[in-house]
Each structure stands twice: as C-alpha cells, then as structure tokens.
N, C-alpha and C. Protein backbone atom coordinates (compact mmCIF):
# COMPACT_ATOMS: atom_id res chain seq x y z
N MET A 1 206.76 78.13 -54.16
CA MET A 1 207.61 77.69 -53.08
C MET A 1 206.73 77.13 -51.97
N THR A 2 207.17 76.08 -51.38
CA THR A 2 206.42 75.49 -50.28
C THR A 2 207.25 75.53 -49.01
N TYR A 3 206.55 75.51 -47.91
CA TYR A 3 207.18 75.48 -46.60
C TYR A 3 206.79 74.17 -45.93
N LYS A 4 207.61 73.74 -44.96
CA LYS A 4 207.34 72.51 -44.22
C LYS A 4 207.28 72.84 -42.74
N CYS A 5 206.26 72.33 -42.08
CA CYS A 5 206.10 72.56 -40.64
C CYS A 5 207.15 71.74 -39.90
N PHE A 6 207.76 72.32 -38.89
CA PHE A 6 208.80 71.64 -38.13
C PHE A 6 208.22 70.55 -37.24
N ASN A 7 207.01 70.77 -36.72
CA ASN A 7 206.41 69.81 -35.79
C ASN A 7 205.70 68.66 -36.49
N CYS A 8 204.77 68.95 -37.39
CA CYS A 8 203.95 67.89 -38.00
C CYS A 8 204.46 67.46 -39.37
N LYS A 9 205.51 68.11 -39.90
CA LYS A 9 206.12 67.78 -41.20
C LYS A 9 205.15 67.89 -42.37
N ASP A 10 204.12 68.70 -42.22
CA ASP A 10 203.12 68.91 -43.26
C ASP A 10 203.61 70.00 -44.21
N GLU A 11 203.43 69.81 -45.53
CA GLU A 11 203.84 70.81 -46.51
C GLU A 11 202.74 71.85 -46.68
N ILE A 12 203.13 73.13 -46.67
CA ILE A 12 202.18 74.23 -46.71
C ILE A 12 202.51 75.10 -47.92
N PRO A 13 201.53 75.36 -48.81
CA PRO A 13 201.81 76.23 -49.96
C PRO A 13 202.00 77.69 -49.52
N GLU A 14 202.63 78.45 -50.40
CA GLU A 14 202.96 79.85 -50.08
C GLU A 14 201.72 80.72 -49.91
N LYS A 15 200.62 80.38 -50.56
CA LYS A 15 199.40 81.19 -50.47
C LYS A 15 198.86 81.26 -49.05
N LEU A 16 199.00 80.18 -48.28
CA LEU A 16 198.50 80.18 -46.91
C LEU A 16 199.42 80.94 -45.95
N ILE A 17 200.65 81.20 -46.35
CA ILE A 17 201.63 81.87 -45.50
C ILE A 17 201.58 83.39 -45.65
N GLU A 18 200.95 83.90 -46.71
CA GLU A 18 200.96 85.34 -46.98
C GLU A 18 200.38 86.17 -45.83
N ARG A 19 199.33 85.68 -45.23
CA ARG A 19 198.68 86.46 -44.16
C ARG A 19 199.36 86.27 -42.81
N ARG A 20 199.50 84.99 -42.40
CA ARG A 20 200.09 84.70 -41.09
C ARG A 20 201.10 83.57 -41.24
N ILE A 21 202.20 83.67 -40.51
CA ILE A 21 203.19 82.60 -40.51
C ILE A 21 202.79 81.63 -39.41
N ILE A 22 201.93 80.67 -39.78
CA ILE A 22 201.45 79.68 -38.82
C ILE A 22 200.99 78.45 -39.60
N CYS A 23 201.23 77.27 -39.04
CA CYS A 23 200.82 76.03 -39.69
C CYS A 23 199.30 75.86 -39.50
N PRO A 24 198.55 75.66 -40.59
CA PRO A 24 197.10 75.53 -40.46
C PRO A 24 196.66 74.23 -39.79
N SER A 25 197.49 73.20 -39.80
CA SER A 25 197.07 71.93 -39.22
C SER A 25 197.38 71.81 -37.73
N CYS A 26 198.57 72.26 -37.29
CA CYS A 26 198.91 72.09 -35.86
C CYS A 26 199.07 73.41 -35.11
N GLY A 27 199.16 74.56 -35.81
CA GLY A 27 199.27 75.85 -35.13
C GLY A 27 200.69 76.26 -34.79
N SER A 28 201.68 75.50 -35.23
CA SER A 28 203.07 75.82 -34.93
C SER A 28 203.52 77.04 -35.73
N ARG A 29 204.46 77.79 -35.21
CA ARG A 29 204.99 78.95 -35.91
C ARG A 29 206.40 78.73 -36.43
N ILE A 30 206.87 77.49 -36.37
CA ILE A 30 208.21 77.16 -36.87
C ILE A 30 208.05 76.50 -38.23
N LEU A 31 208.44 77.21 -39.29
CA LEU A 31 208.33 76.70 -40.65
C LEU A 31 209.70 76.71 -41.32
N ILE A 32 209.93 75.73 -42.19
CA ILE A 32 211.20 75.58 -42.89
C ILE A 32 210.94 75.67 -44.38
N LYS A 33 211.77 76.42 -45.12
CA LYS A 33 211.64 76.46 -46.58
C LYS A 33 212.16 75.14 -47.14
N THR A 34 211.42 74.57 -48.09
CA THR A 34 211.89 73.34 -48.71
C THR A 34 212.86 73.67 -49.83
N ARG A 35 213.92 72.90 -49.91
CA ARG A 35 214.93 73.10 -50.95
C ARG A 35 214.54 72.31 -52.18
N PRO A 36 214.96 72.77 -53.36
CA PRO A 36 214.66 72.01 -54.57
C PRO A 36 215.42 70.68 -54.60
N GLU A 37 214.88 69.72 -55.32
CA GLU A 37 215.48 68.39 -55.41
C GLU A 37 216.73 68.38 -56.30
N ILE A 38 216.88 69.39 -57.16
CA ILE A 38 217.99 69.44 -58.10
C ILE A 38 219.28 69.85 -57.38
N ILE A 39 220.33 69.08 -57.61
CA ILE A 39 221.62 69.38 -57.01
C ILE A 39 222.53 69.95 -58.10
N LYS A 40 223.06 71.14 -57.85
CA LYS A 40 223.94 71.78 -58.82
C LYS A 40 225.39 71.38 -58.55
N LYS A 41 226.11 71.04 -59.62
CA LYS A 41 227.52 70.72 -59.50
C LYS A 41 228.32 71.86 -60.13
N VAL A 42 229.31 72.35 -59.39
CA VAL A 42 230.14 73.46 -59.85
C VAL A 42 231.57 72.97 -59.91
N LYS A 43 232.24 73.22 -61.03
CA LYS A 43 233.64 72.81 -61.17
C LYS A 43 234.54 73.77 -60.40
N ALA A 44 235.56 73.21 -59.77
CA ALA A 44 236.54 74.02 -59.06
C ALA A 44 237.51 74.63 -60.06
N LEU A 45 238.03 75.78 -59.75
CA LEU A 45 238.98 76.44 -60.66
C LEU A 45 240.37 75.91 -60.50
C-alpha cells in the first residue's frame, strides 16, 4: 500500500511510514491512502 503526501503529491511506500507518519521529502504530516485503480461494479437487488 502506498500513501500520497497532501502537500507535495509525492508517493511514499508503506515501509517509510512504519516508524513515523511524516513525508520524507517535504516534512508534512498529512498523508492520504491511495485507492486502487480497479472499480468494482455491484448489481442492485
């Protein structure tokens, strides 16, 4: 799973987040989980 920095939009792998929740490039503490590209379709009942 990867995270995306809110300020610099840089993608950060999960290994760098295990110790501290901080962006290594800009130092921001606001990170967003990236969603998968696959869109699931569910039929209505």
